[in-house]
Amino acid sequence: MRLMVMFDLPVETSEQRKNYRKFRKKLINEGFMMIQYSIYVRVCVSKQAAGFMEKRITEFAPNEGIIQTMTITEKQYNDMHFLAGEFKKEVKNLSNRTVIL
């Protein structure tokens, strides 16, 4: 299962840019990978774990902007189609390399 975080945060002032950088850095520290600008994804072992992670994100989310999450199965994630651009061959992002203990 994957938890996808999509966000649109304001970056007009220096304080807003600082909040954007802090939020993005905390997502990365929580194990999220960027799949597009402002779209990050992380493997979760269950819906309960995804819910727990959503609560953690709420704790460090900035007050301004929009942040949305969506849980998807590995099959749904692997069925993603690329209409433009090229697939990035990141070993850590391939489902056949995902090991759940």
C-alpha atoms as a PDB file:
ATOM      1  CA  MET A   1       0.000   0.000   0.000  1.00  0.00           C
ATOM      2  CA  ARG A   2       1.220   3.504  -0.774  1.00  0.00           C
ATOM      3  CA  LEU A   3       0.367   6.820   0.816  1.00  0.00           C
ATOM      4  CA  MET A   4       0.484   9.672  -1.664  1.00  0.00           C
ATOM      5  CA  VAL A   5       0.780  13.265  -0.442  1.00  0.00           C
ATOM      6  CA  MET A   6      -0.084  16.087  -2.834  1.00  0.00           C
ATOM      7  CA  PHE A   7       0.363  19.673  -1.780  1.00  0.00           C
ATOM      8  CA  ASP A   8       0.116  23.206  -3.064  1.00  0.00           C
ATOM      9  CA  LEU A   9       1.763  25.582  -0.605  1.00  0.00           C
ATOM     10  CA  PRO A  10       2.198  29.321  -1.064  1.00  0.00           C
ATOM     11  CA  VAL A  11       5.751  30.553  -1.659  1.00  0.00           C
ATOM     12  CA  GLU A  12       5.241  34.305  -2.057  1.00  0.00           C
ATOM     13  CA  THR A  13       6.985  35.457   1.146  1.00  0.00           C
ATOM     14  CA  SER A  14      10.233  34.311   2.716  1.00  0.00           C
ATOM     15  CA  GLU A  15       8.287  32.816   5.654  1.00  0.00           C
ATOM     16  CA  GLN A  16       6.086  30.804   3.267  1.00  0.00           C
ATOM     17  CA  ARG A  17       9.155  29.529   1.383  1.00  0.00           C
ATOM     18  CA  LYS A  18      10.723  28.524   4.693  1.00  0.00           C
ATOM     19  CA  ASN A  19       7.528  26.624   5.669  1.00  0.00           C
ATOM     20  CA  TYR A  20       7.517  24.907   2.252  1.00  0.00           C
ATOM     21  CA  ARG A  21      11.142  23.771   2.652  1.00  0.00           C
ATOM     22  CA  LYS A  22      10.553  22.534   6.207  1.00  0.00           C
ATOM     23  CA  PHE A  23       7.443  20.572   5.161  1.00  0.00           C
ATOM     24  CA  ARG A  24       9.195  18.990   2.179  1.00  0.00           C
ATOM     25  CA  LYS A  25      12.237  18.074   4.291  1.00  0.00           C
ATOM     26  CA  LYS A  26      10.064  16.454   6.969  1.00  0.00           C
ATOM     27  CA  LEU A  27       8.247  14.388   4.306  1.00  0.00           C
ATOM     28  CA  ILE A  28      11.597  13.124   3.038  1.00  0.00           C
ATOM     29  CA  ASN A  29      12.722  12.342   6.601  1.00  0.00           C
ATOM     30  CA  GLU A  30       9.512  10.307   7.057  1.00  0.00           C
ATOM     31  CA  GLY A  31      10.498   8.137   4.071  1.00  0.00           C
ATOM     32  CA  PHE A  32       8.564   9.828   1.263  1.00  0.00           C
ATOM     33  CA  MET A  33       9.962   9.992  -2.266  1.00  0.00           C
ATOM     34  CA  MET A  34       9.159  12.677  -4.794  1.00  0.00           C
ATOM     35  CA  ILE A  35       7.440  11.330  -7.902  1.00  0.00           C
ATOM     36  CA  GLN A  36       6.592  14.814  -9.232  1.00  0.00           C
ATOM     37  CA  TYR A  37       6.988  18.303  -7.885  1.00  0.00           C
ATOM     38  CA  SER A  38       4.705  18.563  -4.843  1.00  0.00           C
ATOM     39  CA  ILE A  39       3.681  14.883  -5.077  1.00  0.00           C
ATOM     40  CA  TYR A  40       5.373  12.465  -2.708  1.00  0.00           C
ATOM     41  CA  VAL A  41       4.733   8.789  -2.024  1.00  0.00           C
ATOM     42  CA  ARG A  42       5.674   6.319   0.704  1.00  0.00           C
ATOM     43  CA  VAL A  43       5.143   2.593   1.253  1.00  0.00           C
ATOM     44  CA  CYS A  44       2.893   1.723   4.210  1.00  0.00           C
ATOM     45  CA  VAL A  45       2.280  -1.818   5.435  1.00  0.00           C
ATOM     46  CA  SER A  46      -1.442  -1.320   6.150  1.00  0.00           C
ATOM     47  CA  LYS A  47      -4.305   1.178   6.141  1.00  0.00           C
ATOM     48  CA  GLN A  48      -3.726   1.639   9.850  1.00  0.00           C
ATOM     49  CA  ALA A  49      -0.080   2.573   9.233  1.00  0.00           C
ATOM     50  CA  ALA A  50      -1.163   4.992   6.490  1.00  0.00           C
ATOM     51  CA  GLY A  51      -3.637   6.594   8.895  1.00  0.00           C
ATOM     52  CA  PHE A  52      -0.915   6.914  11.511  1.00  0.00           C
ATOM     53  CA  MET A  53       1.353   8.585   8.952  1.00  0.00           C
ATOM     54  CA  GLU A  54      -1.426  11.011   7.975  1.00  0.00           C
ATOM     55  CA  LYS A  55      -1.693  12.051  11.622  1.00  0.00           C
ATOM     56  CA  ARG A  56       2.073  12.614  11.781  1.00  0.00           C
ATOM     57  CA  ILE A  57       1.922  14.781   8.655  1.00  0.00           C
ATOM     58  CA  THR A  58      -0.876  16.827  10.229  1.00  0.00           C
ATOM     59  CA  GLU A  59       1.449  17.618  13.136  1.00  0.00           C
ATOM     60  CA  PHE A  60       4.064  19.329  10.941  1.00  0.00           C
ATOM     61  CA  ALA A  61       1.852  20.631   8.112  1.00  0.00           C
ATOM     62  CA  PRO A  62       1.939  24.403   7.570  1.00  0.00           C
ATOM     63  CA  ASN A  63      -1.234  26.383   8.244  1.00  0.00           C
ATOM     64  CA  GLU A  64      -1.476  27.839   4.741  1.00  0.00           C
ATOM     65  CA  GLY A  65      -2.017  25.990   1.478  1.00  0.00           C
ATOM     66  CA  ILE A  66      -3.634  22.703   0.505  1.00  0.00           C
ATOM     67  CA  ILE A  67      -2.338  19.257   1.481  1.00  0.00           C
ATOM     68  CA  GLN A  68      -4.158  16.123   0.343  1.00  0.00           C
ATOM     69  CA  THR A  69      -3.442  12.426   0.843  1.00  0.00           C
ATOM     70  CA  MET A  70      -4.584   9.300  -0.929  1.00  0.00           C
ATOM     71  CA  THR A  71      -3.898   5.639  -0.184  1.00  0.00           C
ATOM     72  CA  ILE A  72      -3.486   3.306  -3.137  1.00  0.00           C
ATOM     73  CA  THR A  73      -2.618  -0.353  -3.444  1.00  0.00           C
ATOM     74  CA  GLU A  74       0.637  -1.578  -4.949  1.00  0.00           C
ATOM     75  CA  LYS A  75      -1.297  -2.830  -7.981  1.00  0.00           C
ATOM     76  CA  GLN A  76      -2.865   0.585  -8.522  1.00  0.00           C
ATOM     77  CA  TYR A  77       0.520   2.251  -8.139  1.00  0.00           C
ATOM     78  CA  ASN A  78       2.132  -0.134 -10.632  1.00  0.00           C
ATOM     79  CA  ASP A  79      -0.692   0.445 -13.126  1.00  0.00           C
ATOM     80  CA  MET A  80       0.283   4.114 -13.358  1.00  0.00           C
ATOM     81  CA  HIS A  81       0.627   5.191 -16.999  1.00  0.00           C
ATOM     82  CA  PHE A  82       3.205   7.651 -18.303  1.00  0.00           C
ATOM     83  CA  LEU A  83       1.594   9.786 -20.987  1.00  0.00           C
ATOM     84  CA  ALA A  84       4.609  12.060 -21.381  1.00  0.00           C
ATOM     85  CA  GLY A  85       8.148  11.889 -20.090  1.00  0.00           C
ATOM     86  CA  GLU A  86      10.227   8.869 -19.248  1.00  0.00           C
ATOM     87  CA  PHE A  87       9.994   6.318 -16.456  1.00  0.00           C
ATOM     88  CA  LYS A  88      12.739   6.828 -13.893  1.00  0.00           C
ATOM     89  CA  LYS A  89      14.400   3.547 -13.007  1.00  0.00           C
ATOM     90  CA  GLU A  90      14.881   4.054  -9.289  1.00  0.00           C
ATOM     91  CA  VAL A  91      15.445   0.679  -7.649  1.00  0.00           C
ATOM     92  CA  LYS A  92      13.907   1.852  -4.380  1.00  0.00           C
ATOM     93  CA  ASN A  93      10.675   2.774  -6.170  1.00  0.00           C
ATOM     94  CA  LEU A  94      10.004  -0.583  -7.823  1.00  0.00           C
ATOM     95  CA  SER A  95       7.347  -2.785  -6.215  1.00  0.00           C
ATOM     96  CA  ASN A  96       9.278  -5.990  -6.913  1.00  0.00           C
ATOM     97  CA  ARG A  97      12.028  -4.612  -4.645  1.00  0.00           C
ATOM     98  CA  THR A  98       9.605  -3.789  -1.806  1.00  0.00           C
ATOM     99  CA  VAL A  99       9.968  -6.154   1.125  1.00  0.00           C
ATOM    100  CA  ILE A 100       7.415  -5.976   3.950  1.00  0.00           C
ATOM    101  CA  LEU A 101       8.554  -7.568   7.178  1.00  0.00           C
END
